[in-house]
C-alpha atoms as a PDB file:
ATOM      1  CA  UNK A   1     -16.602 -20.833  19.819  1.00  0.00           C
ATOM      2  CA  UNK A   2     -16.542 -21.407  15.669  1.00  0.00           C
ATOM      3  CA  UNK A   3     -13.231 -21.034  14.392  1.00  0.00           C
ATOM      4  CA  UNK A   4     -12.560 -19.993  10.800  1.00  0.00           C
ATOM      5  CA  UNK A   5     -10.259 -20.929   8.234  1.00  0.00           C
ATOM      6  CA  UNK A   6      -8.784 -18.923   6.014  1.00  0.00           C
ATOM      7  CA  UNK A   7     -10.400 -20.412   3.052  1.00  0.00           C
ATOM      8  CA  UNK A   8     -13.957 -20.433   4.491  1.00  0.00           C
ATOM      9  CA  UNK A   9     -14.658 -17.030   4.065  1.00  0.00           C
ATOM     10  CA  UNK A  10     -15.428 -15.506   0.389  1.00  0.00           C
ATOM     11  CA  UNK A  11     -17.142 -12.438  -0.681  1.00  0.00           C
ATOM     12  CA  UNK A  12     -19.575 -14.790  -2.668  1.00  0.00           C
ATOM     13  CA  UNK A  13     -22.589 -13.166  -5.011  1.00  0.00           C
ATOM     14  CA  UNK A  14     -22.996  -9.961  -3.266  1.00  0.00           C
ATOM     15  CA  UNK A  15     -19.315  -8.677  -3.300  1.00  0.00           C
ATOM     16  CA  UNK A  16     -19.025  -9.484  -6.923  1.00  0.00           C
ATOM     17  CA  UNK A  17     -22.596  -7.449  -7.527  1.00  0.00           C
ATOM     18  CA  UNK A  18     -20.838  -4.555  -5.700  1.00  0.00           C
ATOM     19  CA  UNK A  19     -17.497  -4.885  -7.819  1.00  0.00           C
ATOM     20  CA  UNK A  20     -19.684  -5.327 -10.995  1.00  0.00           C
ATOM     21  CA  UNK A  21     -21.503  -1.943 -10.616  1.00  0.00           C
ATOM     22  CA  UNK A  22     -18.592  -0.055  -9.300  1.00  0.00           C
ATOM     23  CA  UNK A  23     -16.826  -1.096 -12.726  1.00  0.00           C
ATOM     24  CA  UNK A  24     -19.761  -0.582 -14.837  1.00  0.00           C
ATOM     25  CA  UNK A  25     -20.288   3.069 -12.738  1.00  0.00           C
ATOM     26  CA  UNK A  26     -16.748   3.909 -13.657  1.00  0.00           C
ATOM     27  CA  UNK A  27     -16.766   2.910 -17.279  1.00  0.00           C
ATOM     28  CA  UNK A  28     -20.290   5.379 -17.546  1.00  0.00           C
ATOM     29  CA  UNK A  29     -18.282   7.979 -15.671  1.00  0.00           C
ATOM     30  CA  UNK A  30     -15.350   8.144 -18.047  1.00  0.00           C
ATOM     31  CA  UNK A  31     -17.439   8.082 -21.164  1.00  0.00           C
ATOM     32  CA  UNK A  32     -19.430  10.802 -20.050  1.00  0.00           C
ATOM     33  CA  UNK A  33     -16.317  12.468 -19.235  1.00  0.00           C
ATOM     34  CA  UNK A  34     -14.631  12.234 -22.335  1.00  0.00           C
ATOM     35  CA  UNK A  35     -17.479  13.503 -23.804  1.00  0.00           C
ATOM     36  CA  UNK A  36     -17.063  16.550 -21.542  1.00  0.00           C
ATOM     37  CA  UNK A  37     -13.826  16.897 -22.639  1.00  0.00           C
ATOM     38  CA  UNK A  38     -14.299  16.909 -26.388  1.00  0.00           C
ATOM     39  CA  UNK A  39     -15.969  19.558 -26.252  1.00  0.00           C
ATOM     40  CA  UNK A  40     -13.759  22.073 -24.692  1.00  0.00           C
ATOM     41  CA  UNK A  41     -12.191  24.371 -27.068  1.00  0.00           C
ATOM     42  CA  UNK A  42      -8.602  25.627 -25.822  1.00  0.00           C
ATOM     43  CA  UNK A  43      -7.436  28.600 -27.809  1.00  0.00           C
ATOM     44  CA  UNK A  44      -3.952  28.076 -29.558  1.00  0.00           C
ATOM     45  CA  UNK A  45      -0.860  30.473 -28.817  1.00  0.00           C
ATOM     46  CA  UNK A  46      -1.656  31.985 -32.308  1.00  0.00           C
ATOM     47  CA  UNK A  47      -5.685  33.161 -31.448  1.00  0.00           C
ATOM     48  CA  UNK A  48      -4.315  34.762 -28.029  1.00  0.00           C
ATOM     49  CA  UNK A  49      -1.285  36.472 -29.842  1.00  0.00           C
ATOM     50  CA  UNK A  50      -3.614  38.071 -32.356  1.00  0.00           C
ATOM     51  CA  UNK A  51      -5.929  39.272 -29.485  1.00  0.00           C
ATOM     52  CA  UNK A  52      -3.373  41.079 -28.308  1.00  0.00           C
ATOM     53  CA  UNK A  53      -2.352  42.407 -30.957  1.00  0.00           C
ATOM     54  CA  UNK A  54      -5.729  44.547 -31.243  1.00  0.00           C
END
């Protein structure tokens, strides 16, 4: 039977690649979200009051 010591096991290259890909995907998603958020036009309170007055 083989006994593993705490320092013998590491995530290795595959673990690094997976974490790096998740980080890149997160960066791209945040950039896309910010781009979409700038397209949203929130009406101001004065604009709402003008529409109610009409």
